[in-house]
């Protein structure tokens, strides 16, 4: 089973809100997921990003691959550098 850390979209039309989730790559974007790791709201100023650092690090160590967007969010929070050092 190949797991991904990716965004699942929620919210109304033209008002996106995302959850950072761990999901099997075969499931649809907004479909079933294994665990919710946080939220991302690009509409707030400044952008709101809440991520459970411990759970993200655990999933990365297990081999979960983040998507490009999630990798950018992790880099902005400093988690990606912390993972690369470990």
Protein backbone atom coordinates (compact mmCIF):
# COMPACT_ATOMS: atom_id res chain seq x y z
CA UNK A 1 0.00 0.00 0.00
CA UNK A 2 1.53 3.30 -1.11
CA UNK A 3 0.50 6.11 1.21
CA UNK A 4 0.48 9.80 0.41
CA UNK A 5 0.21 12.88 2.59
CA UNK A 6 -2.04 15.16 0.59
CA UNK A 7 -4.80 17.75 0.70
CA UNK A 8 -8.51 16.87 0.75
CA UNK A 9 -10.71 19.75 -0.35
CA UNK A 10 -13.71 20.91 1.62
CA UNK A 11 -15.73 24.10 1.81
CA UNK A 12 -18.17 25.70 -0.57
CA UNK A 13 -17.73 26.66 -4.20
CA UNK A 14 -15.09 29.41 -4.55
CA UNK A 15 -14.32 29.08 -0.79
CA UNK A 16 -11.83 26.23 -0.50
CA UNK A 17 -10.70 24.76 2.78
CA UNK A 18 -8.32 21.81 2.93
CA UNK A 19 -7.50 19.01 5.35
CA UNK A 20 -4.00 17.55 5.37
CA UNK A 21 -4.62 13.79 5.32
CA UNK A 22 -2.80 10.49 4.92
CA UNK A 23 -4.49 8.34 2.27
CA UNK A 24 -3.82 5.37 0.06
CA UNK A 25 -2.87 6.79 -3.33
CA UNK A 26 -5.60 4.72 -5.01
CA UNK A 27 -8.41 6.57 -3.20
CA UNK A 28 -9.99 9.71 -4.70
CA UNK A 29 -8.83 13.15 -3.57
CA UNK A 30 -11.79 13.78 -1.29
CA UNK A 31 -12.48 10.12 -0.57
CA UNK A 32 -11.48 7.76 2.19
CA UNK A 33 -8.38 8.61 4.19
CA UNK A 34 -6.38 6.94 6.95
CA UNK A 35 -5.73 9.88 9.27
CA UNK A 36 -6.34 13.63 9.44
CA UNK A 37 -3.08 15.47 10.19
CA UNK A 38 -4.21 19.09 10.09
CA UNK A 39 -5.89 21.94 8.22
CA UNK A 40 -4.90 24.46 5.57
CA UNK A 41 -6.98 27.56 4.79
CA UNK A 42 -5.49 29.62 1.94
CA UNK A 43 -8.22 32.30 2.16
CA UNK A 44 -7.21 33.69 5.55
CA UNK A 45 -4.66 36.46 5.85
CA UNK A 46 -2.10 35.26 6.86
CA UNK A 47 -2.69 31.75 5.53
CA UNK A 48 -3.75 29.33 8.28
CA UNK A 49 -1.77 26.08 8.51
CA UNK A 50 -2.27 23.76 11.49
CA UNK A 51 -0.32 20.49 11.28
CA UNK A 52 0.24 17.83 13.95
CA UNK A 53 4.05 17.69 13.84
CA UNK A 54 4.46 14.39 15.71
CA UNK A 55 2.02 12.51 13.49
CA UNK A 56 3.50 13.97 10.28
CA UNK A 57 7.01 12.93 11.31
CA UNK A 58 5.78 9.44 12.16
CA UNK A 59 4.10 9.02 8.77
CA UNK A 60 7.14 10.35 6.91
CA UNK A 61 9.34 7.83 8.75
CA UNK A 62 6.92 5.07 7.72
CA UNK A 63 7.47 6.06 4.08
CA UNK A 64 4.43 8.20 3.28
CA UNK A 65 5.18 10.52 0.35
CA UNK A 66 3.91 14.12 0.54
CA UNK A 67 2.51 15.77 -2.57
CA UNK A 68 4.31 18.86 -3.90
CA UNK A 69 1.86 21.24 -2.19
CA UNK A 70 2.07 19.46 1.15
CA UNK A 71 5.88 19.36 0.88
CA UNK A 72 5.83 23.17 0.43
CA UNK A 73 3.61 23.55 3.51
CA UNK A 74 5.95 21.31 5.52
CA UNK A 75 8.96 23.30 4.30
CA UNK A 76 7.30 26.58 5.34
CA UNK A 77 6.62 25.15 8.84
CA UNK A 78 10.20 23.83 9.13
CA UNK A 79 9.11 20.19 9.34
CA UNK A 80 10.68 19.08 6.07
CA UNK A 81 14.17 20.17 7.18
CA UNK A 82 13.62 18.45 10.55
CA UNK A 83 12.66 15.23 8.73
CA UNK A 84 15.68 15.42 6.41
CA UNK A 85 18.04 15.80 9.39
CA UNK A 86 16.67 12.71 11.15
